[in-house]
Amino acid sequence: MDEEIDYEKFDEKEADDGEIDVSGDVTGLEVTDLPGVGPAIGKRLSEAGYKSVEAIAVASPSELAAAGSIGETTATKIIKAAREMLDIGFETADELLVRRQNAGRISTGSTALDELFGGGIETQSITEMYGSFRSGKTQMAHQLSVNVQLPEGEGGLGATAIYVDTEGTFRPERLVDMAEAVGLDPAKVLKNVVWARAYNSDHQILLCDQAMEMAPEKNAKLLVVDSVTSHFRAEYTGRGTLAARQQKLNKHLHHLQRGAEINNMAVYITNQVMSRPDAFFGDPTAPVGGHVLAHVPQTRCYLRKSKGERRICRLVDSPNLPEGEAVFAVLKDGIRDV
């Protein structure tokens, strides 16, 4: 049943009864500080992952209604109140620049790659790397999981990593090799990487949602999804299922982007490739996922194998970085310059 909200009735007395006082500073607001969100609704929203006013402010009415077992009208009012409290709306470019300066960067382990990325893998955004098998996608995921634990100023963020493995390619032994190479305690590094195996697309989405919920508690500044399209590709076969697959994938990617911005964390996703039979000239390799996947990540890179341990990374798309290439090596110590 839809719960009606009368904003005129909220006063100091009702605030003492467990409702809200909407006046004053909004810093440190809880979900139950929002109009119409009492303990019961607040508990349901929290259990569904809406543990902060920020998370509610960027939610859709249908999602919030389902999570809180409330009507969409009530959900819309709650979202509107959250946005007003946080002053979410238009801002000037100089204000955005200040906020963008809070974004951190994680070193890849290669100076050439870091320069290509403008200093490393950026938080508040999604970075996608696609390529064939043994091109270095998963090795990069392992390296970032280690490097994010380095102190700030030394290529890391002094934080932890969350790793969602869809292909069964995660190897803690590689973390040990890479940790020893950068002077970190392997035992601590292993404890600071939270891993989960996803067995289908729904499980993958659930794990990623849980990852965004636990990120503040774990001080996680990196989420790895390796790979983001594996299950979608296996479960949705044929042209008849294409629309459903793309819609589901699109929603999943937007949830990842929203979590990256709310938690100021880097989301690193890997992607599989396919060969285009109609490409008579040039490289026939193309990433899976089509335009839906192409539009969401801020940074897209194409990895390909070269001679020996050498790999080539081509920056395909970025809103603020020029296209370019960098050569790096995958060694026992991890990602390194050639």
C-alpha atoms as a PDB file:
ATOM      1  CA  MET A   1       0.000   0.000   0.000  1.00  0.00           C
ATOM      2  CA  ASP A   2       1.253   3.472  -0.836  1.00  0.00           C
ATOM      3  CA  GLU A   3       2.245   5.532   2.208  1.00  0.00           C
ATOM      4  CA  GLU A   4       1.200   9.186   2.056  1.00  0.00           C
ATOM      5  CA  ILE A   5       3.735  11.797   3.157  1.00  0.00           C
ATOM      6  CA  ASP A   6       2.622  15.148   4.538  1.00  0.00           C
ATOM      7  CA  TYR A   7       5.754  17.261   4.678  1.00  0.00           C
ATOM      8  CA  GLU A   8       3.933  19.978   6.620  1.00  0.00           C
ATOM      9  CA  LYS A   9       3.501  17.729   9.653  1.00  0.00           C
ATOM     10  CA  PHE A  10       7.183  17.087  10.316  1.00  0.00           C
ATOM     11  CA  ASP A  11       8.337  19.090  13.329  1.00  0.00           C
ATOM     12  CA  GLU A  12      10.671  18.796  16.293  1.00  0.00           C
ATOM     13  CA  LYS A  13       8.272  16.545  18.202  1.00  0.00           C
ATOM     14  CA  GLU A  14       8.060  13.985  15.408  1.00  0.00           C
ATOM     15  CA  ALA A  15      11.811  14.141  15.016  1.00  0.00           C
ATOM     16  CA  ASP A  16      12.084  13.028  18.637  1.00  0.00           C
ATOM     17  CA  ASP A  17       9.688  10.173  17.851  1.00  0.00           C
ATOM     18  CA  GLY A  18      12.136   8.667  15.358  1.00  0.00           C
ATOM     19  CA  GLU A  19      11.213  10.652  12.254  1.00  0.00           C
ATOM     20  CA  ILE A  20      13.198  13.684  11.088  1.00  0.00           C
ATOM     21  CA  ASP A  21      14.299  17.227  11.545  1.00  0.00           C
ATOM     22  CA  VAL A  22      15.051  18.438   8.044  1.00  0.00           C
ATOM     23  CA  SER A  23      16.583  21.709   9.161  1.00  0.00           C
ATOM     24  CA  GLY A  24      20.251  22.433   9.549  1.00  0.00           C
ATOM     25  CA  ASP A  25      23.332  20.665   8.247  1.00  0.00           C
ATOM     26  CA  VAL A  26      22.770  17.550   6.151  1.00  0.00           C
ATOM     27  CA  THR A  27      26.267  16.188   6.721  1.00  0.00           C
ATOM     28  CA  GLY A  28      26.184  12.628   8.024  1.00  0.00           C
ATOM     29  CA  LEU A  29      22.508  12.072   7.284  1.00  0.00           C
ATOM     30  CA  GLU A  30      21.038   8.634   7.779  1.00  0.00           C
ATOM     31  CA  VAL A  31      18.386   7.013   5.596  1.00  0.00           C
ATOM     32  CA  THR A  32      15.830   7.435   8.386  1.00  0.00           C
ATOM     33  CA  ASP A  33      16.476  11.197   8.317  1.00  0.00           C
ATOM     34  CA  LEU A  34      14.412  11.368   5.126  1.00  0.00           C
ATOM     35  CA  PRO A  35      10.721  12.314   5.230  1.00  0.00           C
ATOM     36  CA  GLY A  36       8.504   9.256   5.262  1.00  0.00           C
ATOM     37  CA  VAL A  37      11.323   6.821   6.069  1.00  0.00           C
ATOM     38  CA  GLY A  38      10.690   5.382   9.493  1.00  0.00           C
ATOM     39  CA  PRO A  39      12.587   2.520  11.147  1.00  0.00           C
ATOM     40  CA  ALA A  40      10.682  -0.207   9.288  1.00  0.00           C
ATOM     41  CA  ILE A  41      11.116   1.256   5.797  1.00  0.00           C
ATOM     42  CA  GLY A  42      14.675   2.287   6.649  1.00  0.00           C
ATOM     43  CA  LYS A  43      15.509  -1.292   7.620  1.00  0.00           C
ATOM     44  CA  ARG A  44      14.097  -2.687   4.378  1.00  0.00           C
ATOM     45  CA  LEU A  45      15.975  -0.130   2.292  1.00  0.00           C
ATOM     46  CA  SER A  46      19.199  -0.826   4.166  1.00  0.00           C
ATOM     47  CA  GLU A  47      18.831  -4.570   3.647  1.00  0.00           C
ATOM     48  CA  ALA A  48      18.343  -3.899  -0.085  1.00  0.00           C
ATOM     49  CA  GLY A  49      21.561  -1.888  -0.242  1.00  0.00           C
ATOM     50  CA  TYR A  50      20.213   1.660   0.147  1.00  0.00           C
ATOM     51  CA  LYS A  51      22.228   2.482   3.240  1.00  0.00           C
ATOM     52  CA  SER A  52      22.911   6.149   2.549  1.00  0.00           C
ATOM     53  CA  VAL A  53      21.023   9.242   1.452  1.00  0.00           C
ATOM     54  CA  GLU A  54      23.364   9.404  -1.564  1.00  0.00           C
ATOM     55  CA  ALA A  55      22.314   5.923  -2.713  1.00  0.00           C
ATOM     56  CA  ILE A  56      18.642   6.874  -2.474  1.00  0.00           C
ATOM     57  CA  ALA A  57      19.160  10.180  -4.269  1.00  0.00           C
ATOM     58  CA  VAL A  58      20.425   8.437  -7.405  1.00  0.00           C
ATOM     59  CA  ALA A  59      17.922   5.557  -7.331  1.00  0.00           C
ATOM     60  CA  SER A  60      14.926   5.218  -9.612  1.00  0.00           C
ATOM     61  CA  PRO A  61      11.394   5.263  -8.105  1.00  0.00           C
ATOM     62  CA  SER A  62      10.621   1.726  -9.292  1.00  0.00           C
ATOM     63  CA  GLU A  63      13.810   0.310  -7.745  1.00  0.00           C
ATOM     64  CA  LEU A  64      13.261   2.113  -4.438  1.00  0.00           C
ATOM     65  CA  ALA A  65       9.605   1.123  -4.326  1.00  0.00           C
ATOM     66  CA  ALA A  66      10.478  -2.539  -4.761  1.00  0.00           C
ATOM     67  CA  ALA A  67      13.292  -2.374  -2.205  1.00  0.00           C
ATOM     68  CA  GLY A  68      11.239  -0.641   0.478  1.00  0.00           C
ATOM     69  CA  SER A  69       7.895  -2.334  -0.268  1.00  0.00           C
ATOM     70  CA  ILE A  70       6.311   1.079  -0.794  1.00  0.00           C
ATOM     71  CA  GLY A  71       4.409   2.736  -3.605  1.00  0.00           C
ATOM     72  CA  GLU A  72       6.164   4.527  -6.422  1.00  0.00           C
ATOM     73  CA  THR A  73       4.534   7.810  -5.424  1.00  0.00           C
ATOM     74  CA  THR A  74       6.085   7.570  -1.976  1.00  0.00           C
ATOM     75  CA  ALA A  75       9.398   6.458  -3.438  1.00  0.00           C
ATOM     76  CA  THR A  76       9.412   9.470  -5.763  1.00  0.00           C
ATOM     77  CA  LYS A  77       8.850  11.842  -2.839  1.00  0.00           C
ATOM     78  CA  ILE A  78      11.618  10.194  -0.822  1.00  0.00           C
ATOM     79  CA  ILE A  79      14.056  10.455  -3.732  1.00  0.00           C
ATOM     80  CA  LYS A  80      13.107  14.102  -4.261  1.00  0.00           C
ATOM     81  CA  ALA A  81      13.740  14.866  -0.592  1.00  0.00           C
ATOM     82  CA  ALA A  82      17.111  13.118  -0.714  1.00  0.00           C
ATOM     83  CA  ARG A  83      18.164  15.138  -3.752  1.00  0.00           C
ATOM     84  CA  GLU A  84      17.085  18.376  -2.116  1.00  0.00           C
ATOM     85  CA  MET A  85      19.014  17.575   1.051  1.00  0.00           C
ATOM     86  CA  LEU A  86      22.166  16.800  -0.925  1.00  0.00           C
ATOM     87  CA  ASP A  87      21.606  19.687  -3.342  1.00  0.00           C
ATOM     88  CA  ILE A  88      21.899  17.364  -6.336  1.00  0.00           C
ATOM     89  CA  GLY A  89      21.341  19.189  -9.596  1.00  0.00           C
ATOM     90  CA  PHE A  90      23.192  21.617 -11.797  1.00  0.00           C
ATOM     91  CA  GLU A  91      26.597  22.902 -10.775  1.00  0.00           C
ATOM     92  CA  THR A  92      29.211  25.060 -12.400  1.00  0.00           C
ATOM     93  CA  ALA A  93      32.197  23.552 -14.178  1.00  0.00           C
ATOM     94  CA  ASP A  94      34.636  24.910 -11.577  1.00  0.00           C
ATOM     95  CA  GLU A  95      32.700  23.094  -8.823  1.00  0.00           C
ATOM     96  CA  LEU A  96      32.815  19.897 -10.843  1.00  0.00           C
ATOM     97  CA  LEU A  97      36.552  20.358 -11.355  1.00  0.00           C
ATOM     98  CA  VAL A  98      37.069  20.515  -7.582  1.00  0.00           C
ATOM     99  CA  ARG A  99      35.076  17.308  -7.152  1.00  0.00           C
ATOM    100  CA  ARG A 100      36.997  15.644  -9.968  1.00  0.00           C
ATOM    101  CA  GLN A 101      40.250  16.463  -8.208  1.00  0.00           C
ATOM    102  CA  ASN A 102      39.194  14.100  -5.432  1.00  0.00           C
ATOM    103  CA  ALA A 103      39.405  11.190  -7.867  1.00  0.00           C
ATOM    104  CA  GLY A 104      42.310   8.879  -7.131  1.00  0.00           C
ATOM    105  CA  ARG A 105      44.465   6.844  -9.486  1.00  0.00           C
ATOM    106  CA  ILE A 106      45.871   3.342  -9.175  1.00  0.00           C
ATOM    107  CA  SER A 107      49.177   2.539 -10.838  1.00  0.00           C
ATOM    108  CA  THR A 108      49.228  -0.338 -13.301  1.00  0.00           C
ATOM    109  CA  GLY A 109      52.855  -1.160 -12.493  1.00  0.00           C
ATOM    110  CA  SER A 110      54.017   0.122 -15.889  1.00  0.00           C
ATOM    111  CA  THR A 111      55.142   3.729 -16.332  1.00  0.00           C
ATOM    112  CA  ALA A 112      54.163   3.642 -19.998  1.00  0.00           C
ATOM    113  CA  LEU A 113      50.653   2.455 -19.182  1.00  0.00           C
ATOM    114  CA  ASP A 114      50.243   4.979 -16.371  1.00  0.00           C
ATOM    115  CA  GLU A 115      51.174   7.778 -18.759  1.00  0.00           C
ATOM    116  CA  LEU A 116      48.660   6.472 -21.286  1.00  0.00           C
ATOM    117  CA  PHE A 117      45.952   6.599 -18.612  1.00  0.00           C
ATOM    118  CA  GLY A 118      46.956  10.026 -17.344  1.00  0.00           C
ATOM    119  CA  GLY A 119      48.463   8.687 -14.127  1.00  0.00           C
ATOM    120  CA  GLY A 120      46.783   5.316 -13.649  1.00  0.00           C
ATOM    121  CA  ILE A 121      43.336   3.741 -13.451  1.00  0.00           C
ATOM    122  CA  GLU A 122      40.912   6.406 -12.252  1.00  0.00           C
ATOM    123  CA  THR A 123      38.309   6.188  -9.508  1.00  0.00           C
ATOM    124  CA  GLN A 124      34.719   7.405  -9.978  1.00  0.00           C
ATOM    125  CA  SER A 125      34.643   5.679 -13.363  1.00  0.00           C
ATOM    126  CA  ILE A 126      34.661   2.371 -15.233  1.00  0.00           C
ATOM    127  CA  THR A 127      37.736   1.205 -17.129  1.00  0.00           C
ATOM    128  CA  GLU A 128      37.194  -1.595 -19.643  1.00  0.00           C
ATOM    129  CA  MET A 129      39.907  -3.722 -21.185  1.00  0.00           C
ATOM    130  CA  TYR A 130      39.058  -6.140 -23.959  1.00  0.00           C
ATOM    131  CA  GLY A 131      41.229  -8.551 -25.886  1.00  0.00           C
ATOM    132  CA  SER A 132      41.765 -12.184 -26.783  1.00  0.00           C
ATOM    133  CA  PHE A 133      42.929 -14.846 -24.353  1.00  0.00           C
ATOM    134  CA  ARG A 134      46.413 -14.303 -22.841  1.00  0.00           C
ATOM    135  CA  SER A 135      46.378 -10.631 -23.759  1.00  0.00           C
ATOM    136  CA  GLY A 136      46.884  -9.586 -20.122  1.00  0.00           C
ATOM    137  CA  LYS A 137      43.382  -8.602 -18.972  1.00  0.00           C
ATOM    138  CA  THR A 138      43.297 -10.860 -15.916  1.00  0.00           C
ATOM    139  CA  GLN A 139      46.934 -10.193 -15.064  1.00  0.00           C
ATOM    140  CA  MET A 140      46.112  -6.485 -15.000  1.00  0.00           C
ATOM    141  CA  ALA A 141      43.190  -7.217 -12.676  1.00  0.00           C
ATOM    142  CA  HIS A 142      45.506  -9.014 -10.253  1.00  0.00           C
ATOM    143  CA  GLN A 143      48.072  -6.225 -10.422  1.00  0.00           C
ATOM    144  CA  LEU A 144      45.534  -3.509  -9.680  1.00  0.00           C
ATOM    145  CA  SER A 145      44.217  -5.555  -6.735  1.00  0.00           C
ATOM    146  CA  VAL A 146      47.716  -5.422  -5.255  1.00  0.00           C
ATOM    147  CA  ASN A 147      48.640  -1.868  -6.227  1.00  0.00           C
ATOM    148  CA  VAL A 148      45.482  -0.327  -4.775  1.00  0.00           C
ATOM    149  CA  GLN A 149      46.895  -1.337  -1.377  1.00  0.00           C
ATOM    150  CA  LEU A 150      50.048   0.731  -1.850  1.00  0.00           C
ATOM    151  CA  PRO A 151      50.170   4.017   0.089  1.00  0.00           C
ATOM    152  CA  GLU A 152      48.937   7.180  -1.569  1.00  0.00           C
ATOM    153  CA  GLY A 153      51.788   8.816  -3.417  1.00  0.00           C
ATOM    154  CA  GLU A 154      53.354   5.440  -4.189  1.00  0.00           C
ATOM    155  CA  GLY A 155      50.880   4.328  -6.836  1.00  0.00           C
ATOM    156  CA  GLY A 156      48.038   3.183  -4.610  1.00  0.00           C
ATOM    157  CA  LEU A 157      45.203   4.455  -2.458  1.00  0.00           C
ATOM    158  CA  GLY A 158      45.926   2.619   0.798  1.00  0.00           C
ATOM    159  CA  ALA A 159      42.690   0.688   0.301  1.00  0.00           C
ATOM    160  CA  THR A 160      41.324  -2.786  -0.397  1.00  0.00           C
ATOM    161  CA  ALA A 161      39.924  -4.536  -3.471  1.00  0.00           C
ATOM    162  CA  ILE A 162      36.803  -6.553  -4.284  1.00  0.00           C
ATOM    163  CA  TYR A 163      37.107  -9.155  -7.044  1.00  0.00           C
ATOM    164  CA  VAL A 164      34.143 -10.738  -8.844  1.00  0.00           C
ATOM    165  CA  ASP A 165      35.403 -13.713 -10.861  1.00  0.00           C
ATOM    166  CA  THR A 166      33.066 -15.005 -13.571  1.00  0.00           C
ATOM    167  CA  GLU A 167      35.510 -17.262 -15.427  1.00  0.00           C
ATOM    168  CA  GLY A 168      37.370 -19.010 -12.602  1.00  0.00           C
ATOM    169  CA  THR A 169      40.705 -17.381 -13.488  1.00  0.00           C
ATOM    170  CA  PHE A 170      41.488 -15.683 -10.169  1.00  0.00           C
ATOM    171  CA  ARG A 171      44.724 -17.008  -8.645  1.00  0.00           C
ATOM    172  CA  PRO A 172      45.855 -15.861  -5.163  1.00  0.00           C
ATOM    173  CA  GLU A 173      49.325 -17.181  -5.994  1.00  0.00           C
ATOM    174  CA  ARG A 174      49.709 -14.330  -8.472  1.00  0.00           C
ATOM    175  CA  LEU A 175      48.864 -11.846  -5.739  1.00  0.00           C
ATOM    176  CA  VAL A 176      51.683 -13.281  -3.651  1.00  0.00           C
ATOM    177  CA  ASP A 177      54.198 -12.877  -6.497  1.00  0.00           C
ATOM    178  CA  MET A 178      53.094  -9.315  -7.200  1.00  0.00           C
ATOM    179  CA  ALA A 179      52.965  -8.318  -3.520  1.00  0.00           C
ATOM    180  CA  GLU A 180      56.517  -9.505  -2.908  1.00  0.00           C
ATOM    181  CA  ALA A 181      57.696  -7.576  -5.974  1.00  0.00           C
ATOM    182  CA  VAL A 182      56.377  -4.259  -4.601  1.00  0.00           C
ATOM    183  CA  GLY A 183      57.461  -4.874  -1.005  1.00  0.00           C
ATOM    184  CA  LEU A 184      54.070  -5.625   0.526  1.00  0.00           C
ATOM    185  CA  ASP A 185      53.312  -8.379   3.034  1.00  0.00           C
ATOM    186  CA  PRO A 186      51.659 -11.161   0.975  1.00  0.00           C
ATOM    187  CA  ALA A 187      49.533 -12.285   3.927  1.00  0.00           C
ATOM    188  CA  LYS A 188      48.075  -8.797   4.370  1.00  0.00           C
ATOM    189  CA  VAL A 189      47.569  -8.382   0.645  1.00  0.00           C
ATOM    190  CA  LEU A 190      45.549 -11.609   0.459  1.00  0.00           C
ATOM    191  CA  LYS A 191      43.341 -10.534   3.364  1.00  0.00           C
ATOM    192  CA  ASN A 192      42.699  -7.195   1.670  1.00  0.00           C
ATOM    193  CA  VAL A 193      41.283  -8.750  -1.497  1.00  0.00           C
ATOM    194  CA  VAL A 194      37.710  -9.980  -1.086  1.00  0.00           C
ATOM    195  CA  TRP A 195      36.883 -12.540  -3.796  1.00  0.00           C
ATOM    196  CA  ALA A 196      33.672 -14.164  -5.004  1.00  0.00           C
ATOM    197  CA  ARG A 197      32.897 -16.536  -7.878  1.00  0.00           C
ATOM    198  CA  ALA A 198      29.849 -15.666  -9.980  1.00  0.00           C
ATOM    199  CA  TYR A 199      28.067 -18.648 -11.541  1.00  0.00           C
ATOM    200  CA  ASN A 200      25.516 -16.876 -13.738  1.00  0.00           C
ATOM    201  CA  SER A 201      24.522 -13.365 -14.777  1.00  0.00           C
ATOM    202  CA  ASP A 202      21.993 -12.910 -11.961  1.00  0.00           C
ATOM    203  CA  HIS A 203      24.579 -14.047  -9.426  1.00  0.00           C
ATOM    204  CA  GLN A 204      27.095 -11.651 -10.956  1.00  0.00           C
ATOM    205  CA  ILE A 205      24.695  -8.718 -10.628  1.00  0.00           C
ATOM    206  CA  LEU A 206      23.906  -9.669  -7.032  1.00  0.00           C
ATOM    207  CA  LEU A 207      27.591  -9.897  -6.111  1.00  0.00           C
ATOM    208  CA  CYS A 208      28.337  -6.512  -7.676  1.00  0.00           C
ATOM    209  CA  ASP A 209      25.452  -4.931  -5.777  1.00  0.00           C
ATOM    210  CA  GLN A 210      26.785  -6.485  -2.561  1.00  0.00           C
ATOM    211  CA  ALA A 211      30.251  -5.196  -3.413  1.00  0.00           C
ATOM    212  CA  MET A 212      28.962  -1.628  -3.617  1.00  0.00           C
ATOM    213  CA  GLU A 213      27.220  -2.072  -0.272  1.00  0.00           C
ATOM    214  CA  MET A 214      30.332  -3.366   1.482  1.00  0.00           C
ATOM    215  CA  ALA A 215      32.772  -0.911  -0.160  1.00  0.00           C
ATOM    216  CA  PRO A 216      32.599   1.791   2.554  1.00  0.00           C
ATOM    217  CA  GLU A 217      32.937  -0.765   5.363  1.00  0.00           C
ATOM    218  CA  LYS A 218      35.889  -2.512   3.685  1.00  0.00           C
ATOM    219  CA  ASN A 219      37.499   0.752   2.495  1.00  0.00           C
ATOM    220  CA  ALA A 220      37.433  -0.748  -0.999  1.00  0.00           C
ATOM    221  CA  LYS A 221      38.569   1.553  -3.794  1.00  0.00           C
ATOM    222  CA  LEU A 222      38.684  -1.065  -6.553  1.00  0.00           C
ATOM    223  CA  LEU A 223      36.052  -3.426  -7.916  1.00  0.00           C
ATOM    224  CA  VAL A 224      37.149  -5.956 -10.518  1.00  0.00           C
ATOM    225  CA  VAL A 225      34.630  -7.803 -12.695  1.00  0.00           C
ATOM    226  CA  ASP A 226      36.481 -10.398 -14.772  1.00  0.00           C
ATOM    227  CA  SER A 227      34.761 -10.704 -17.171  1.00  0.00           C
ATOM    228  CA  VAL A 228      31.626  -8.618 -17.376  1.00  0.00           C
ATOM    229  CA  THR A 229      30.146 -10.327 -20.462  1.00  0.00           C
ATOM    230  CA  SER A 230      31.036 -14.005 -19.973  1.00  0.00           C
ATOM    231  CA  HIS A 231      27.733 -15.161 -18.447  1.00  0.00           C
ATOM    232  CA  PHE A 232      25.580 -12.853 -20.562  1.00  0.00           C
ATOM    233  CA  ARG A 233      27.200 -14.277 -23.665  1.00  0.00           C
ATOM    234  CA  ALA A 234      26.641 -17.870 -22.548  1.00  0.00           C
ATOM    235  CA  GLU A 235      23.061 -17.511 -21.306  1.00  0.00           C
ATOM    236  CA  TYR A 236      21.567 -15.347 -24.047  1.00  0.00           C
ATOM    237  CA  THR A 237      22.109 -17.032 -27.383  1.00  0.00           C
ATOM    238  CA  GLY A 238      20.525 -16.198 -30.699  1.00  0.00           C
ATOM    239  CA  ARG A 239      19.047 -12.986 -32.044  1.00  0.00           C
ATOM    240  CA  GLY A 240      15.767 -13.584 -30.259  1.00  0.00           C
ATOM    241  CA  THR A 241      17.354 -12.986 -26.856  1.00  0.00           C
ATOM    242  CA  LEU A 242      19.544 -10.057 -27.899  1.00  0.00           C
ATOM    243  CA  ALA A 243      17.202  -7.310 -26.698  1.00  0.00           C
ATOM    244  CA  ALA A 244      16.733  -8.890 -23.251  1.00  0.00           C
ATOM    245  CA  ARG A 245      20.466  -9.451 -22.882  1.00  0.00           C
ATOM    246  CA  GLN A 246      21.382  -5.896 -23.819  1.00  0.00           C
ATOM    247  CA  GLN A 247      18.771  -4.385 -21.547  1.00  0.00           C
ATOM    248  CA  LYS A 248      19.953  -6.464 -18.595  1.00  0.00           C
ATOM    249  CA  LEU A 249      23.609  -5.715 -19.327  1.00  0.00           C
ATOM    250  CA  ASN A 250      22.886  -2.009 -19.693  1.00  0.00           C
ATOM    251  CA  LYS A 251      21.199  -1.852 -16.298  1.00  0.00           C
ATOM    252  CA  HIS A 252      24.065  -3.789 -14.715  1.00  0.00           C
ATOM    253  CA  LEU A 253      26.672  -1.397 -16.129  1.00  0.00           C
ATOM    254  CA  HIS A 254      24.780   1.673 -14.972  1.00  0.00           C
ATOM    255  CA  HIS A 255      24.613   0.243 -11.452  1.00  0.00           C
ATOM    256  CA  LEU A 256      28.384  -0.219 -11.558  1.00  0.00           C
ATOM    257  CA  GLN A 257      28.862   3.360 -12.711  1.00  0.00           C
ATOM    258  CA  ARG A 258      26.587   4.694 -10.004  1.00  0.00           C
ATOM    259  CA  GLY A 259      28.472   2.729  -7.340  1.00  0.00           C
ATOM    260  CA  ALA A 260      31.817   3.975  -8.648  1.00  0.00           C
ATOM    261  CA  GLU A 261      30.716   7.576  -8.246  1.00  0.00           C
ATOM    262  CA  ILE A 262      29.050   7.159  -4.855  1.00  0.00           C
ATOM    263  CA  ASN A 263      31.987   5.249  -3.341  1.00  0.00           C
ATOM    264  CA  ASN A 264      34.754   7.105  -5.229  1.00  0.00           C
ATOM    265  CA  MET A 265      36.141   3.764  -6.390  1.00  0.00           C
ATOM    266  CA  ALA A 266      37.639   2.440  -9.592  1.00  0.00           C
ATOM    267  CA  VAL A 267      35.649  -0.212 -11.448  1.00  0.00           C
ATOM    268  CA  TYR A 268      37.834  -2.354 -13.703  1.00  0.00           C
ATOM    269  CA  ILE A 269      35.992  -4.685 -16.068  1.00  0.00           C
ATOM    270  CA  THR A 270      37.372  -7.088 -18.622  1.00  0.00           C
ATOM    271  CA  ASN A 271      35.559  -8.023 -21.789  1.00  0.00           C
ATOM    272  CA  GLN A 272      35.739 -10.864 -24.254  1.00  0.00           C
ATOM    273  CA  VAL A 273      36.091 -10.404 -27.991  1.00  0.00           C
ATOM    274  CA  MET A 274      34.721 -11.937 -31.170  1.00  0.00           C
ATOM    275  CA  SER A 275      35.899 -12.075 -34.773  1.00  0.00           C
ATOM    276  CA  ARG A 276      33.866 -10.220 -37.377  1.00  0.00           C
ATOM    277  CA  PRO A 277      33.487 -12.462 -40.454  1.00  0.00           C
ATOM    278  CA  ASP A 278      32.621  -9.430 -42.611  1.00  0.00           C
ATOM    279  CA  ALA A 279      35.927  -7.646 -41.916  1.00  0.00           C
ATOM    280  CA  PHE A 280      38.060  -8.160 -45.017  1.00  0.00           C
ATOM    281  CA  PHE A 281      40.680  -5.581 -44.063  1.00  0.00           C
ATOM    282  CA  GLY A 282      42.304  -4.671 -40.772  1.00  0.00           C
ATOM    283  CA  ASP A 283      41.847  -6.322 -37.397  1.00  0.00           C
ATOM    284  CA  PRO A 284      38.627  -8.404 -37.325  1.00  0.00           C
ATOM    285  CA  THR A 285      38.602  -8.446 -33.505  1.00  0.00           C
ATOM    286  CA  ALA A 286      35.666  -6.661 -31.862  1.00  0.00           C
ATOM    287  CA  PRO A 287      34.550  -6.476 -28.222  1.00  0.00           C
ATOM    288  CA  VAL A 288      31.418  -8.306 -27.101  1.00  0.00           C
ATOM    289  CA  GLY A 289      28.479  -6.260 -25.832  1.00  0.00           C
ATOM    290  CA  GLY A 290      27.830  -3.957 -28.753  1.00  0.00           C
ATOM    291  CA  HIS A 291      26.937  -0.306 -28.382  1.00  0.00           C
ATOM    292  CA  VAL A 292      25.386  -0.792 -24.935  1.00  0.00           C
ATOM    293  CA  LEU A 293      28.726  -1.749 -23.452  1.00  0.00           C
ATOM    294  CA  ALA A 294      30.642   0.759 -25.557  1.00  0.00           C
ATOM    295  CA  HIS A 295      28.736   3.771 -24.239  1.00  0.00           C
ATOM    296  CA  VAL A 296      29.036   3.220 -20.469  1.00  0.00           C
ATOM    297  CA  PRO A 297      32.750   2.832 -19.559  1.00  0.00           C
ATOM    298  CA  GLN A 298      34.645   6.111 -19.492  1.00  0.00           C
ATOM    299  CA  THR A 299      37.881   4.451 -20.615  1.00  0.00           C
ATOM    300  CA  ARG A 300      38.084   1.598 -23.154  1.00  0.00           C
ATOM    301  CA  CYS A 301      41.300  -0.196 -24.038  1.00  0.00           C
ATOM    302  CA  TYR A 302      42.183  -2.918 -26.499  1.00  0.00           C
ATOM    303  CA  LEU A 303      44.875  -5.372 -25.385  1.00  0.00           C
ATOM    304  CA  ARG A 304      46.715  -7.590 -27.830  1.00  0.00           C
ATOM    305  CA  LYS A 305      49.649  -9.966 -27.664  1.00  0.00           C
ATOM    306  CA  SER A 306      53.042  -9.193 -29.119  1.00  0.00           C
ATOM    307  CA  LYS A 307      56.322 -11.109 -29.080  1.00  0.00           C
ATOM    308  CA  GLY A 308      57.156 -13.074 -25.954  1.00  0.00           C
ATOM    309  CA  GLU A 309      55.861 -11.438 -22.790  1.00  0.00           C
ATOM    310  CA  ARG A 310      55.137  -8.146 -24.507  1.00  0.00           C
ATOM    311  CA  ARG A 311      51.615  -6.785 -24.702  1.00  0.00           C
ATOM    312  CA  ILE A 312      50.236  -3.713 -26.453  1.00  0.00           C
ATOM    313  CA  CYS A 313      47.499  -1.571 -24.953  1.00  0.00           C
ATOM    314  CA  ARG A 314      45.628   0.813 -27.232  1.00  0.00           C
ATOM    315  CA  LEU A 315      43.463   3.492 -25.660  1.00  0.00           C
ATOM    316  CA  VAL A 316      40.331   3.389 -27.794  1.00  0.00           C
ATOM    317  CA  ASP A 317      38.028   5.815 -26.014  1.00  0.00           C
ATOM    318  CA  SER A 318      38.258   8.357 -23.199  1.00  0.00           C
ATOM    319  CA  PRO A 319      36.470  11.659 -22.524  1.00  0.00           C
ATOM    320  CA  ASN A 320      39.678  13.519 -21.655  1.00  0.00           C
ATOM    321  CA  LEU A 321      42.640  11.468 -22.894  1.00  0.00           C
ATOM    322  CA  PRO A 322      43.999  11.217 -26.441  1.00  0.00           C
ATOM    323  CA  GLU A 323      44.127   7.926 -28.291  1.00  0.00           C
ATOM    324  CA  GLY A 324      47.478   6.199 -28.045  1.00  0.00           C
ATOM    325  CA  GLU A 325      49.358   2.979 -27.428  1.00  0.00           C
ATOM    326  CA  ALA A 326      51.699   1.676 -24.761  1.00  0.00           C
ATOM    327  CA  VAL A 327      53.871  -1.443 -24.687  1.00  0.00           C
ATOM    328  CA  PHE A 328      54.262  -3.370 -21.439  1.00  0.00           C
ATOM    329  CA  ALA A 329      55.307  -6.811 -20.253  1.00  0.00           C
ATOM    330  CA  VAL A 330      53.615  -9.480 -18.134  1.00  0.00           C
ATOM    331  CA  LEU A 331      56.325 -10.990 -15.935  1.00  0.00           C
ATOM    332  CA  LYS A 332      56.438 -13.094 -12.788  1.00  0.00           C
ATOM    333  CA  ASP A 333      56.638  -9.863 -10.787  1.00  0.00           C
ATOM    334  CA  GLY A 334      53.520  -8.581 -12.545  1.00  0.00           C
ATOM    335  CA  ILE A 335      52.853  -5.783 -15.016  1.00  0.00           C
ATOM    336  CA  ARG A 336      56.094  -4.002 -15.859  1.00  0.00           C
ATOM    337  CA  ASP A 337      57.706  -1.798 -18.484  1.00  0.00           C
ATOM    338  CA  VAL A 338      59.435  -3.508 -21.367  1.00  0.00           C
END
